[in-house]
Amino acid sequence: MSSVWEPEFTIPVASHSNLVIQGYAGEVRYFSERIIEGKSVTPSIDDAIETMRILDAIENAPIGKSDISFRI
């Protein structure tokens, strides 16, 4: 996968950075604060695994409307 540079026509301040707007900077800040405070991090790896199961179910679903059951 290649990426193509595209100009950003926003005022060049940190809060307008794509890393901030798309949430990455906030995620890193949250993660590091939780680790420093000795608290658990959410979402967990279990949440990530469940997300992958959902994406696999969507990808493997037949074209058109279909029912997908999930474990709760």
N, C-alpha and C. Protein backbone atom coordinates (compact mmCIF):
# COMPACT_ATOMS: atom_id res chain seq x y z
N MET A 1 0.85 -1.17 0.00
CA MET A 1 0.00 0.00 0.00
C MET A 1 0.89 1.23 0.00
N SER A 2 0.67 2.11 -0.92
CA SER A 2 1.46 3.33 -0.96
C SER A 2 0.61 4.49 -0.47
N SER A 3 1.28 5.51 -0.02
CA SER A 3 0.55 6.69 0.43
C SER A 3 0.94 7.87 -0.44
N VAL A 4 0.03 8.77 -0.57
CA VAL A 4 0.24 9.95 -1.39
C VAL A 4 0.13 11.17 -0.50
N TRP A 5 1.11 12.04 -0.60
CA TRP A 5 1.07 13.26 0.19
C TRP A 5 0.00 14.18 -0.36
N GLU A 6 -0.80 14.72 0.55
CA GLU A 6 -1.81 15.71 0.18
C GLU A 6 -1.65 16.89 1.11
N PRO A 7 -1.73 18.09 0.58
CA PRO A 7 -1.53 19.26 1.44
C PRO A 7 -2.68 19.42 2.43
N GLU A 8 -2.36 19.96 3.58
CA GLU A 8 -3.37 20.29 4.57
C GLU A 8 -3.53 21.81 4.57
N PHE A 9 -4.72 22.26 4.34
CA PHE A 9 -4.96 23.69 4.28
C PHE A 9 -5.56 24.19 5.59
N THR A 10 -4.95 23.82 6.69
CA THR A 10 -5.40 24.29 8.00
C THR A 10 -4.33 25.15 8.62
N ILE A 11 -4.69 25.86 9.63
CA ILE A 11 -3.71 26.66 10.36
C ILE A 11 -2.74 25.69 11.04
N PRO A 12 -1.44 25.87 10.85
CA PRO A 12 -0.48 24.89 11.37
C PRO A 12 -0.26 25.00 12.89
N VAL A 13 -1.22 24.49 13.64
CA VAL A 13 -1.09 24.42 15.09
C VAL A 13 -1.29 22.96 15.50
N ALA A 14 -0.77 22.59 16.65
CA ALA A 14 -0.80 21.19 17.08
C ALA A 14 -2.20 20.60 17.10
N SER A 15 -3.19 21.38 17.52
CA SER A 15 -4.55 20.85 17.63
C SER A 15 -5.18 20.54 16.28
N HIS A 16 -4.60 21.05 15.18
CA HIS A 16 -5.12 20.77 13.84
C HIS A 16 -4.36 19.65 13.16
N SER A 17 -3.38 19.07 13.82
CA SER A 17 -2.59 17.99 13.25
C SER A 17 -3.48 16.77 13.02
N ASN A 18 -3.21 16.03 11.94
CA ASN A 18 -3.96 14.80 11.68
C ASN A 18 -3.83 13.80 12.82
N LEU A 19 -2.68 13.78 13.49
CA LEU A 19 -2.50 12.85 14.60
C LEU A 19 -3.46 13.18 15.74
N VAL A 20 -3.78 14.44 15.92
CA VAL A 20 -4.72 14.85 16.97
C VAL A 20 -6.15 14.64 16.48
N ILE A 21 -6.44 15.09 15.28
CA ILE A 21 -7.79 15.01 14.75
C ILE A 21 -8.25 13.57 14.62
N GLN A 22 -7.37 12.67 14.19
CA GLN A 22 -7.74 11.28 14.00
C GLN A 22 -7.66 10.48 15.29
N GLY A 23 -7.25 11.09 16.38
CA GLY A 23 -7.31 10.44 17.68
C GLY A 23 -6.04 9.76 18.15
N TYR A 24 -5.04 9.63 17.30
CA TYR A 24 -3.84 8.89 17.70
C TYR A 24 -3.13 9.54 18.87
N ALA A 25 -2.96 10.83 18.84
CA ALA A 25 -2.28 11.52 19.94
C ALA A 25 -3.03 11.35 21.25
N GLY A 26 -4.34 11.44 21.20
CA GLY A 26 -5.15 11.25 22.40
C GLY A 26 -5.05 9.82 22.93
N GLU A 27 -5.00 8.86 22.03
CA GLU A 27 -4.88 7.46 22.45
C GLU A 27 -3.55 7.22 23.16
N VAL A 28 -2.47 7.77 22.61
CA VAL A 28 -1.15 7.61 23.22
C VAL A 28 -1.11 8.29 24.58
N ARG A 29 -1.69 9.48 24.67
CA ARG A 29 -1.72 10.19 25.95
C ARG A 29 -2.50 9.39 27.00
N TYR A 30 -3.69 8.89 26.61
CA TYR A 30 -4.52 8.09 27.52
C TYR A 30 -3.74 6.86 27.99
N PHE A 31 -3.14 6.14 27.04
CA PHE A 31 -2.41 4.92 27.36
C PHE A 31 -1.29 5.20 28.35
N SER A 32 -0.48 6.23 28.07
CA SER A 32 0.66 6.52 28.95
C SER A 32 0.20 7.00 30.33
N GLU A 33 -0.86 7.79 30.40
CA GLU A 33 -1.37 8.24 31.70
C GLU A 33 -1.85 7.06 32.54
N ARG A 34 -2.56 6.11 31.91
CA ARG A 34 -3.06 4.94 32.64
C ARG A 34 -1.90 4.09 33.16
N ILE A 35 -0.87 3.91 32.35
CA ILE A 35 0.28 3.12 32.77
C ILE A 35 1.00 3.81 33.92
N ILE A 36 1.22 5.11 33.82
CA ILE A 36 1.90 5.86 34.88
C ILE A 36 1.11 5.78 36.18
N GLU A 37 -0.23 5.85 36.09
CA GLU A 37 -1.08 5.79 37.27
C GLU A 37 -1.27 4.36 37.79
N GLY A 38 -0.74 3.36 37.09
CA GLY A 38 -0.87 1.97 37.51
C GLY A 38 -2.27 1.41 37.31
N LYS A 39 -3.04 2.00 36.42
CA LYS A 39 -4.41 1.55 36.16
C LYS A 39 -4.46 0.69 34.91
N SER A 40 -5.51 -0.10 34.79
CA SER A 40 -5.65 -0.94 33.60
C SER A 40 -6.04 -0.07 32.40
N VAL A 41 -5.72 -0.57 31.25
CA VAL A 41 -5.99 0.16 30.01
C VAL A 41 -7.24 -0.42 29.36
N THR A 42 -8.12 0.45 28.93
CA THR A 42 -9.30 0.02 28.18
C THR A 42 -9.34 0.82 26.89
N PRO A 43 -9.75 0.29 25.81
CA PRO A 43 -10.15 -1.08 25.62
C PRO A 43 -8.96 -2.03 25.77
N SER A 44 -9.27 -3.27 26.07
CA SER A 44 -8.23 -4.27 26.31
C SER A 44 -7.94 -5.06 25.05
N ILE A 45 -6.99 -5.97 25.14
CA ILE A 45 -6.69 -6.85 24.01
C ILE A 45 -7.90 -7.72 23.69
N ASP A 46 -8.69 -8.05 24.70
CA ASP A 46 -9.91 -8.84 24.45
C ASP A 46 -10.89 -8.06 23.58
N ASP A 47 -10.96 -6.74 23.79
CA ASP A 47 -11.82 -5.91 22.94
C ASP A 47 -11.31 -5.91 21.50
N ALA A 48 -10.00 -5.87 21.34
CA ALA A 48 -9.41 -5.89 19.99
C ALA A 48 -9.70 -7.22 19.29
N ILE A 49 -9.61 -8.32 20.03
CA ILE A 49 -9.90 -9.64 19.46
C ILE A 49 -11.35 -9.72 19.03
N GLU A 50 -12.25 -9.22 19.85
CA GLU A 50 -13.67 -9.24 19.50
C GLU A 50 -13.94 -8.37 18.27
N THR A 51 -13.26 -7.25 18.17
CA THR A 51 -13.40 -6.39 16.99
C THR A 51 -12.95 -7.14 15.74
N MET A 52 -11.86 -7.88 15.83
CA MET A 52 -11.39 -8.66 14.69
C MET A 52 -12.40 -9.74 14.31
N ARG A 53 -13.04 -10.35 15.30
CA ARG A 53 -14.07 -11.37 15.02
C ARG A 53 -15.25 -10.73 14.26
N ILE A 54 -15.63 -9.54 14.68
CA ILE A 54 -16.73 -8.84 14.01
C ILE A 54 -16.35 -8.51 12.58
N LEU A 55 -15.13 -8.00 12.38
CA LEU A 55 -14.69 -7.67 11.03
C LEU A 55 -14.60 -8.91 10.14
N ASP A 56 -14.13 -10.03 10.70
CA ASP A 56 -14.09 -11.28 9.94
C ASP A 56 -15.49 -11.72 9.54
N ALA A 57 -16.44 -11.60 10.48
CA ALA A 57 -17.82 -11.99 10.18
C ALA A 57 -18.40 -11.13 9.07
N ILE A 58 -18.11 -9.84 9.11
CA ILE A 58 -18.61 -8.94 8.07
C ILE A 58 -17.98 -9.28 6.72
N GLU A 59 -16.67 -9.50 6.75
CA GLU A 59 -15.95 -9.80 5.50
C GLU A 59 -16.42 -11.11 4.88
N ASN A 60 -16.74 -12.10 5.70
CA ASN A 60 -17.12 -13.41 5.20
C ASN A 60 -18.63 -13.57 5.02
N ALA A 61 -19.40 -12.55 5.33
CA ALA A 61 -20.86 -12.62 5.17
C ALA A 61 -21.21 -12.61 3.69
N PRO A 62 -22.29 -13.30 3.32
CA PRO A 62 -22.71 -13.27 1.91
C PRO A 62 -23.14 -11.86 1.51
N ILE A 63 -23.05 -11.60 0.23
CA ILE A 63 -23.45 -10.29 -0.29
C ILE A 63 -24.95 -10.11 -0.08
N GLY A 64 -25.34 -8.91 0.30
CA GLY A 64 -26.74 -8.62 0.57
C GLY A 64 -27.00 -8.66 2.06
N LYS A 65 -28.25 -8.66 2.42
CA LYS A 65 -28.63 -8.67 3.82
C LYS A 65 -28.41 -10.05 4.42
N SER A 66 -27.79 -10.09 5.59
CA SER A 66 -27.61 -11.37 6.28
C SER A 66 -27.60 -11.12 7.77
N ASP A 67 -27.93 -12.16 8.52
CA ASP A 67 -27.91 -12.07 9.97
C ASP A 67 -26.58 -12.58 10.48
N ILE A 68 -26.02 -11.89 11.44
CA ILE A 68 -24.78 -12.30 12.08
C ILE A 68 -25.03 -12.35 13.58
N SER A 69 -24.72 -13.47 14.20
CA SER A 69 -24.90 -13.54 15.66
C SER A 69 -23.57 -13.36 16.36
N PHE A 70 -23.62 -12.67 17.46
CA PHE A 70 -22.43 -12.39 18.25
C PHE A 70 -22.60 -12.93 19.65
N ARG A 71 -21.49 -13.37 20.22
CA ARG A 71 -21.50 -13.76 21.62
C ARG A 71 -21.50 -12.52 22.48
N ILE A 72 -22.22 -12.55 23.57
CA ILE A 72 -22.22 -11.40 24.48
C ILE A 72 -21.76 -11.86 25.83
